[in-house]
Amino acid sequence: MERTLTNLKIKLLEADVPQYMVGAKCGIHPSQLSRYALGQDEIKPKHLRALCKFFKCPQREILGTSTFEYTADVD
């Protein structure tokens, strides 16, 4: 099976701090950050710059999606 996640969601899952704290440090309301992470809204340029600074990465690592293959173990 396949699962697609936004690159931002992956960054947030890998972060050592809770998502709401990332939003606070970047000046993004938690619900807006969630919409970005779920791919429901396009990331505003000012928020993208703040996220790049927070994660210390280029825009391409935050924008877009990644697809993963996985298997579900059922007992």
C-alpha atoms as a PDB file:
ATOM      1  CA  MET A   1       0.000   0.000   0.000  1.00  0.00           C
ATOM      2  CA  GLU A   2       1.064   3.593  -0.514  1.00  0.00           C
ATOM      3  CA  ARG A   3       0.803   6.626   1.736  1.00  0.00           C
ATOM      4  CA  THR A   4       1.440  10.200   0.626  1.00  0.00           C
ATOM      5  CA  LEU A   5       2.418  12.900   3.109  1.00  0.00           C
ATOM      6  CA  THR A   6       3.379  16.509   2.601  1.00  0.00           C
ATOM      7  CA  ASN A   7       7.066  17.189   3.106  1.00  0.00           C
ATOM      8  CA  LEU A   8       6.084  19.696   5.784  1.00  0.00           C
ATOM      9  CA  LYS A   9       4.186  16.974   7.683  1.00  0.00           C
ATOM     10  CA  ILE A  10       7.280  14.768   7.555  1.00  0.00           C
ATOM     11  CA  LYS A  11       9.425  17.612   8.933  1.00  0.00           C
ATOM     12  CA  LEU A  12       6.911  18.164  11.742  1.00  0.00           C
ATOM     13  CA  LEU A  13       6.821  14.460  12.614  1.00  0.00           C
ATOM     14  CA  GLU A  14      10.622  14.350  12.735  1.00  0.00           C
ATOM     15  CA  ALA A  15      10.919  17.528  14.838  1.00  0.00           C
ATOM     16  CA  ASP A  16      12.015  17.291  18.465  1.00  0.00           C
ATOM     17  CA  VAL A  17       9.321  19.766  19.511  1.00  0.00           C
ATOM     18  CA  PRO A  18       5.503  19.632  19.319  1.00  0.00           C
ATOM     19  CA  GLN A  19       3.812  21.046  16.239  1.00  0.00           C
ATOM     20  CA  TYR A  20       2.198  23.905  18.175  1.00  0.00           C
ATOM     21  CA  MET A  21       5.657  25.057  19.309  1.00  0.00           C
ATOM     22  CA  VAL A  22       6.939  25.053  15.722  1.00  0.00           C
ATOM     23  CA  GLY A  23       3.957  27.224  14.807  1.00  0.00           C
ATOM     24  CA  ALA A  24       4.607  29.591  17.715  1.00  0.00           C
ATOM     25  CA  LYS A  25       8.272  30.016  16.794  1.00  0.00           C
ATOM     26  CA  CYS A  26       7.329  30.638  13.147  1.00  0.00           C
ATOM     27  CA  GLY A  27       4.401  32.977  13.823  1.00  0.00           C
ATOM     28  CA  ILE A  28       1.855  30.530  12.407  1.00  0.00           C
ATOM     29  CA  HIS A  29      -1.394  29.717  14.212  1.00  0.00           C
ATOM     30  CA  PRO A  30      -1.537  25.988  15.082  1.00  0.00           C
ATOM     31  CA  SER A  31      -4.674  25.389  13.016  1.00  0.00           C
ATOM     32  CA  GLN A  32      -3.112  27.106   9.988  1.00  0.00           C
ATOM     33  CA  LEU A  33       0.067  25.051  10.352  1.00  0.00           C
ATOM     34  CA  SER A  34      -2.097  21.932  10.464  1.00  0.00           C
ATOM     35  CA  ARG A  35      -3.845  22.960   7.220  1.00  0.00           C
ATOM     36  CA  TYR A  36      -0.438  23.465   5.599  1.00  0.00           C
ATOM     37  CA  ALA A  37       0.811  20.098   6.874  1.00  0.00           C
ATOM     38  CA  LEU A  38      -2.269  18.304   5.551  1.00  0.00           C
ATOM     39  CA  GLY A  39      -1.940  19.986   2.158  1.00  0.00           C
ATOM     40  CA  GLN A  40      -5.258  21.818   2.532  1.00  0.00           C
ATOM     41  CA  ASP A  41      -3.768  25.316   2.070  1.00  0.00           C
ATOM     42  CA  GLU A  42      -0.828  26.627   0.068  1.00  0.00           C
ATOM     43  CA  ILE A  43       1.941  27.889   2.362  1.00  0.00           C
ATOM     44  CA  LYS A  44       2.168  31.681   2.379  1.00  0.00           C
ATOM     45  CA  PRO A  45       5.625  33.011   1.396  1.00  0.00           C
ATOM     46  CA  LYS A  46       6.258  34.627   4.811  1.00  0.00           C
ATOM     47  CA  HIS A  47       5.365  31.374   6.559  1.00  0.00           C
ATOM     48  CA  LEU A  48       7.524  29.368   4.159  1.00  0.00           C
ATOM     49  CA  ARG A  49      10.514  31.613   4.932  1.00  0.00           C
ATOM     50  CA  ALA A  50       9.919  31.170   8.674  1.00  0.00           C
ATOM     51  CA  LEU A  51       9.633  27.377   8.326  1.00  0.00           C
ATOM     52  CA  CYS A  52      12.839  27.220   6.269  1.00  0.00           C
ATOM     53  CA  LYS A  53      14.635  29.207   8.936  1.00  0.00           C
ATOM     54  CA  PHE A  54      13.247  27.020  11.737  1.00  0.00           C
ATOM     55  CA  PHE A  55      14.126  23.718  10.022  1.00  0.00           C
ATOM     56  CA  LYS A  56      17.367  25.129   8.546  1.00  0.00           C
ATOM     57  CA  CYS A  57      16.545  23.748   5.106  1.00  0.00           C
ATOM     58  CA  PRO A  58      15.755  24.932   1.575  1.00  0.00           C
ATOM     59  CA  GLN A  59      12.163  25.437   0.412  1.00  0.00           C
ATOM     60  CA  ARG A  60      12.201  22.255  -1.676  1.00  0.00           C
ATOM     61  CA  GLU A  61      12.442  20.191   1.531  1.00  0.00           C
ATOM     62  CA  ILE A  62       9.203  21.730   2.840  1.00  0.00           C
ATOM     63  CA  LEU A  63       7.121  22.071  -0.321  1.00  0.00           C
ATOM     64  CA  GLY A  64       5.572  19.129  -2.161  1.00  0.00           C
ATOM     65  CA  THR A  65       4.786  15.582  -1.105  1.00  0.00           C
ATOM     66  CA  SER A  66       6.508  12.240  -0.648  1.00  0.00           C
ATOM     67  CA  THR A  67       4.995   8.801  -1.187  1.00  0.00           C
ATOM     68  CA  PHE A  68       5.896   5.793   0.930  1.00  0.00           C
ATOM     69  CA  GLU A  69       5.320   2.083   0.432  1.00  0.00           C
ATOM     70  CA  TYR A  70       4.230   0.183   3.520  1.00  0.00           C
ATOM     71  CA  THR A  71       2.695  -3.097   4.529  1.00  0.00           C
ATOM     72  CA  ALA A  72       0.163  -3.521   7.277  1.00  0.00           C
ATOM     73  CA  ASP A  73       0.790  -6.514   9.521  1.00  0.00           C
ATOM     74  CA  VAL A  74      -2.499  -8.110  10.435  1.00  0.00           C
ATOM     75  CA  ASP A  75      -2.559 -10.904  13.017  1.00  0.00           C
END
